[in-house]
Protein backbone atom coordinates (compact mmCIF):
# COMPACT_ATOMS: atom_id res chain seq x y z
CA MET A 1 -12.33 -0.56 12.57
CA PHE A 2 -13.02 -1.55 15.97
CA GLN A 3 -14.78 -4.51 15.06
CA TYR A 4 -11.94 -5.62 13.30
CA ILE A 5 -9.47 -5.43 15.89
CA LYS A 6 -12.05 -6.86 18.14
CA TYR A 7 -11.89 -9.68 16.13
CA LEU A 8 -7.91 -10.42 15.88
CA ARG A 9 -7.92 -10.27 19.49
CA GLU A 10 -10.85 -12.77 19.88
CA LYS A 11 -9.44 -15.05 17.05
CA HIS A 12 -5.39 -14.52 17.44
CA GLY A 13 -5.72 -14.54 21.54
CA THR A 14 -3.13 -11.29 21.86
CA TYR A 15 -3.49 -7.58 20.49
CA LEU A 16 0.34 -8.48 19.91
CA ILE A 17 -0.85 -9.39 16.45
CA LEU A 18 -2.10 -6.22 15.51
CA TYR A 19 1.65 -5.60 14.85
CA ARG A 20 2.83 -8.02 12.76
CA GLY A 21 4.67 -7.01 10.45
CA LEU A 22 6.22 -4.36 12.16
CA THR A 23 9.77 -5.08 12.05
CA PRO A 24 10.07 -5.19 7.91
CA ARG A 25 7.70 -2.21 7.39
CA LEU A 26 10.39 -0.50 10.13
CA THR A 27 12.79 -1.50 8.01
CA SER A 28 11.19 0.19 5.04
CA ALA A 29 10.81 3.07 6.51
CA PHE A 30 14.58 3.44 7.42
CA LEU A 31 15.73 2.34 4.11
CA THR A 32 12.97 5.04 2.42
CA THR A 33 13.82 7.75 4.40
CA THR A 34 17.97 6.99 4.14
CA VAL A 35 18.34 6.36 0.54
CA ARG A 36 15.94 9.84 0.16
CA ASN A 37 17.61 12.13 1.68
CA GLU A 38 20.83 10.82 0.57
CA ILE A 39 19.57 11.09 -3.34
CA LEU A 40 18.18 15.15 -2.53
CA SER A 41 21.80 16.07 -0.87
CA LEU A 42 23.38 14.70 -4.14
CA VAL A 43 20.84 16.45 -6.61
CA PRO A 44 21.21 20.19 -6.23
CA LYS A 45 18.48 22.42 -6.28
CA SER A 46 17.33 24.54 -9.16
CA THR A 47 19.44 27.98 -9.21
CA SER A 48 16.92 29.26 -12.07
CA ARG A 49 14.66 32.45 -11.11
CA CYS A 50 11.62 31.31 -13.00
CA PRO A 51 8.93 30.06 -10.85
CA PRO A 52 7.80 27.22 -13.58
CA GLU A 53 11.31 26.42 -13.96
CA GLN A 54 11.88 25.72 -10.36
CA ILE A 55 9.00 23.44 -9.67
CA VAL A 56 9.78 21.23 -12.97
CA HIS A 57 13.06 20.70 -11.67
CA GLU A 58 12.14 20.23 -7.78
CA MET A 59 9.76 18.01 -8.43
CA GLY A 60 12.27 15.22 -10.90
CA ARG A 61 14.38 15.90 -7.59
CA GLN A 62 11.81 14.71 -5.27
CA CYS A 63 10.50 11.50 -8.40
CA LEU A 64 14.05 10.99 -8.66
CA ALA A 65 14.93 10.01 -5.17
CA THR A 66 11.13 8.59 -4.58
CA THR A 67 12.63 6.13 -7.05
CA GLY A 68 15.60 5.25 -5.47
CA ALA A 69 13.46 4.82 -1.97
CA VAL A 70 11.21 2.73 -3.62
CA ILE A 71 13.43 0.47 -5.23
CA ALA A 72 16.37 0.20 -2.09
CA SER A 73 12.95 -0.58 0.39
CA HIS A 74 10.48 -2.80 -1.72
CA PRO A 75 11.53 -6.61 -0.84
CA PHE A 76 10.57 -5.05 2.81
CA PHE A 77 7.29 -4.01 2.06
CA VAL A 78 6.71 -7.15 0.00
CA ILE A 79 7.60 -9.65 3.37
CA THR A 80 5.14 -6.84 5.34
CA ASN A 81 2.11 -7.64 2.68
CA ARG A 82 2.85 -11.26 2.88
CA MET A 83 3.50 -11.22 6.63
CA ILE A 84 0.09 -9.59 7.41
CA VAL A 85 -2.18 -11.34 4.71
CA SER A 86 -1.06 -14.65 5.61
CA LEU A 87 -2.49 -14.62 8.67
CA ILE A 88 -6.18 -15.31 6.84
CA GLY A 89 -4.95 -19.17 5.53
CA GLY A 90 -2.96 -19.27 8.73
CA GLU A 91 0.30 -20.03 6.10
CA LYS A 92 3.82 -20.90 8.56
CA SER A 93 5.84 -20.14 6.12
CA TYR A 94 5.57 -16.10 6.54
CA ASP A 95 5.88 -16.14 10.34
CA SER A 96 8.92 -14.26 10.73
CA VAL A 97 10.90 -12.19 8.74
CA TRP A 98 13.66 -14.63 8.11
CA SER A 99 11.11 -17.47 6.78
CA SER A 100 9.59 -15.02 4.41
CA ILE A 101 12.85 -14.33 2.74
CA LYS A 102 13.20 -17.78 2.27
CA THR A 103 10.02 -18.88 1.22
CA ILE A 104 9.95 -15.60 -1.72
CA TYR A 105 13.56 -16.68 -2.79
CA SER A 106 12.41 -20.47 -2.69
CA ASP A 107 9.11 -19.87 -4.79
CA GLY A 108 10.57 -16.59 -6.59
CA GLY A 109 14.76 -15.85 -6.99
CA LEU A 110 15.74 -12.77 -6.35
CA VAL A 111 12.46 -11.37 -8.73
CA GLY A 112 10.17 -12.64 -6.28
CA PHE A 113 11.08 -9.26 -4.00
CA TYR A 114 9.66 -7.37 -6.78
CA ASP A 115 6.42 -7.95 -6.95
CA GLY A 116 4.15 -5.40 -7.21
CA LEU A 117 7.21 -2.79 -7.98
CA VAL A 118 5.59 -0.74 -10.72
CA PRO A 119 2.55 0.01 -8.66
CA HIS A 120 4.16 1.23 -6.40
CA LEU A 121 6.65 2.81 -7.66
CA LEU A 122 3.56 4.31 -9.67
CA SER A 123 1.68 5.75 -6.64
CA GLU A 124 4.53 6.98 -4.67
CA ILE A 125 5.62 9.16 -7.77
CA LEU A 126 2.17 10.46 -8.22
CA SER A 127 1.94 10.92 -4.81
CA VAL A 128 5.10 12.77 -4.37
CA SER A 129 4.91 14.69 -7.65
CA THR A 130 0.94 15.65 -6.75
CA GLU A 131 2.50 16.78 -3.17
CA THR A 132 5.28 18.78 -4.69
CA LEU A 133 2.89 20.41 -7.50
CA VAL A 134 0.46 21.60 -4.78
CA VAL A 135 3.68 22.89 -2.40
CA GLU A 136 5.71 24.43 -4.68
CA VAL A 137 2.67 26.42 -6.09
CA ALA A 138 1.54 27.67 -3.27
CA GLU A 139 4.47 28.95 -2.24
CA LYS A 140 5.67 30.33 -5.73
CA PHE A 141 2.61 32.27 -6.03
CA GLU A 142 1.43 32.31 -2.39
CA ILE A 143 -1.59 31.06 -2.30
CA GLU A 144 -2.33 29.95 0.97
CA LYS A 145 -1.39 33.58 2.02
CA LYS A 146 -3.57 34.93 0.53
CA ILE A 147 -6.42 32.48 1.39
CA GLU A 148 -5.42 32.96 4.86
CA ARG A 149 -5.90 36.92 4.08
CA ALA A 150 -8.86 37.06 3.11
CA LEU A 151 -10.62 34.52 5.17
CA GLY A 152 -8.92 35.91 8.37
CA HIS A 153 -7.33 32.28 9.48
CA SER A 154 -4.79 29.44 7.87
CA LEU A 155 -7.59 26.34 6.65
CA ARG A 156 -4.13 24.05 5.31
CA ILE A 157 -6.01 24.73 2.43
CA MET A 158 -2.82 23.28 0.56
CA PHE A 159 -2.46 20.38 3.00
CA ILE A 160 -6.26 19.46 1.85
CA ALA A 161 -6.00 19.54 -1.35
CA SER A 162 -3.14 17.20 -1.80
CA SER A 163 -4.42 14.89 0.35
CA ALA A 164 -8.00 15.14 -1.43
CA LEU A 165 -5.79 14.18 -5.00
CA ASN A 166 -3.95 11.86 -3.13
CA SER A 167 -7.08 9.65 -1.87
CA VAL A 168 -8.71 9.94 -5.92
CA ILE A 169 -5.53 9.44 -7.68
CA VAL A 170 -3.01 7.68 -5.90
CA TYR A 171 -5.18 5.28 -3.84
CA PRO A 172 -6.09 3.06 -6.66
CA ILE A 173 -2.73 2.41 -7.55
CA GLN A 174 -1.41 1.88 -4.03
CA LEU A 175 -3.99 -0.83 -3.42
CA THR A 176 -3.14 -2.11 -6.47
CA ALA A 177 0.72 -2.76 -5.76
CA VAL A 178 -0.05 -4.12 -2.01
CA ILE A 179 -2.55 -6.98 -3.87
CA SER A 180 0.05 -7.41 -6.51
CA SER A 181 3.33 -8.13 -4.16
CA VAL A 182 0.94 -11.01 -2.51
CA SER A 183 -1.41 -12.43 -5.23
CA THR A 184 1.45 -14.64 -6.24
CA ALA A 185 2.74 -16.36 -3.76
CA GLY A 186 -0.32 -19.26 -2.92
CA LEU A 187 -1.19 -17.89 0.20
CA ALA A 188 -5.14 -18.58 0.82
CA VAL A 189 -6.50 -14.91 0.28
CA SER A 190 -5.63 -15.37 -3.61
CA ASP A 191 -8.45 -17.58 -3.87
CA ILE A 192 -11.09 -14.93 -2.43
CA PRO A 193 -13.36 -14.65 -5.59
CA SER A 194 -12.56 -10.99 -6.15
CA MET A 195 -8.70 -12.04 -6.30
CA GLN A 196 -8.97 -13.48 -9.31
CA GLY A 197 -7.14 -13.15 -12.11
CA THR A 198 -5.05 -10.65 -9.88
CA ASP A 199 -2.20 -12.60 -10.36
CA LYS A 200 -2.00 -12.07 -14.33
CA GLY A 201 0.30 -8.44 -13.70
CA TRP A 202 -0.83 -5.28 -12.14
CA VAL A 203 -2.86 -4.49 -15.24
CA ALA A 204 -5.16 -6.76 -14.98
CA CYS A 205 -4.78 -6.66 -11.06
CA PHE A 206 -5.93 -2.66 -11.67
CA LYS A 207 -8.70 -3.74 -13.93
CA GLY A 208 -10.29 -6.08 -11.91
CA LEU A 209 -10.17 -3.85 -8.92
CA TRP A 210 -12.23 -1.09 -11.36
CA ARG A 211 -14.51 -3.76 -12.10
CA GLY A 212 -15.35 -4.94 -9.18
CA GLY A 213 -15.80 -1.37 -7.38
CA ASN A 214 -12.92 -1.99 -5.24
CA THR A 215 -10.40 0.16 -6.08
CA LYS A 216 -11.51 2.30 -3.01
CA ARG A 217 -11.43 -0.51 -0.48
CA GLY A 218 -9.84 0.07 2.93
CA ASN A 219 -9.80 3.94 2.21
CA ASN A 220 -12.15 4.82 4.95
CA LEU A 221 -11.20 2.32 8.07
CA TRP A 222 -14.21 4.27 9.72
CA THR A 223 -16.95 3.02 7.90
CA TYR A 224 -19.14 0.29 8.37
CA ARG A 225 -19.26 -2.50 5.56
CA LYS A 226 -22.11 -4.92 5.66
CA ALA A 227 -20.80 -8.75 5.96
CA ASN A 228 -20.68 -10.37 2.83
CA VAL A 229 -20.60 -14.52 3.85
CA GLU A 230 -19.35 -17.15 1.11
CA THR A 231 -18.88 -20.53 1.35
CA TYR A 232 -16.27 -22.30 -1.03
CA HIS A 233 -13.67 -24.85 -1.05
CA THR A 234 -9.93 -23.81 -1.12
CA PRO A 235 -7.00 -25.34 -3.11
CA ALA A 236 -3.95 -27.31 -1.19
CA GLY A 237 -2.05 -25.39 -3.03
CA SER A 238 -3.10 -22.24 -1.21
CA GLY A 239 -2.21 -23.49 2.59
CA GLY A 240 -5.20 -26.82 2.14
CA LYS A 241 -7.35 -24.69 4.26
CA GLY A 242 -10.71 -27.00 2.71
CA LEU A 243 -13.53 -26.11 3.34
CA VAL A 244 -14.22 -22.32 4.56
CA GLU A 245 -16.91 -19.66 5.50
CA LEU A 246 -15.52 -15.99 4.14
CA GLN A 247 -16.80 -13.22 5.48
CA THR A 248 -15.95 -9.96 4.46
CA ASP A 249 -16.75 -6.41 6.78
CA LEU A 250 -15.90 -3.54 7.83
CA ALA A 251 -13.64 -1.47 5.25
CA GLY A 252 -13.30 -4.81 3.45
CA HIS A 253 -10.93 -7.02 5.40
CA VAL A 254 -11.30 -10.44 5.36
CA LYS A 255 -12.33 -13.37 7.82
CA TYR A 256 -11.66 -16.94 7.28
CA ASP A 257 -13.08 -19.30 9.45
CA LYS A 258 -12.45 -22.98 9.06
CA VAL A 259 -15.74 -24.61 8.52
CA GLN A 260 -14.27 -28.56 7.82
């Protein structure tokens, strides 16, 4: 991770590049929190005394709130991802939030702001469902308290279990959502060999990642990944970078260096 930070600093001349996409990211977070809390305040909690019914009701409540939050914030999710990914090919059309909005609307209309919505929605619902299920079961049946009493200290077992499940189940779909939100934008990143076919729908994107063994790519920023150098020509439609040297390093991050 620190090597990649150093690379970005050397290439762009400032550490401020690490904050690219921050404005739409914060806007997305604000909308997500606001809409989610508003929906939760409108949907009452379960009055049942049956633990399984309480758990199912709370999962449904959380999923409903998450659905509304994702739909409201997804356009800024798309803008954030495209602003960051455009660093690879150097496209100027995604330099700012306003230019990104104009480009997305010009290329795909309002529908363009919802590229990758399905896997984004699916990943968030799976995440909140897993977390809610683990927490509710732990609380209702006092699992964590029993473990703490047996061991004599707290291990945050439920938190660890929830994080592990999310890493295994949810992350591949989150990665699919991010790629789907940028794969149809005509950016240079779409020409990377491992990205081929990802613009044919999120299912095809997920299958491609699975076949290539890339469903965990970027999941661990602390793990070094040996660089794979490849030289090829990018089409003019993707930014016209010409002959490009591609390097994939660290956790699967990509470097582009113009050769000609």
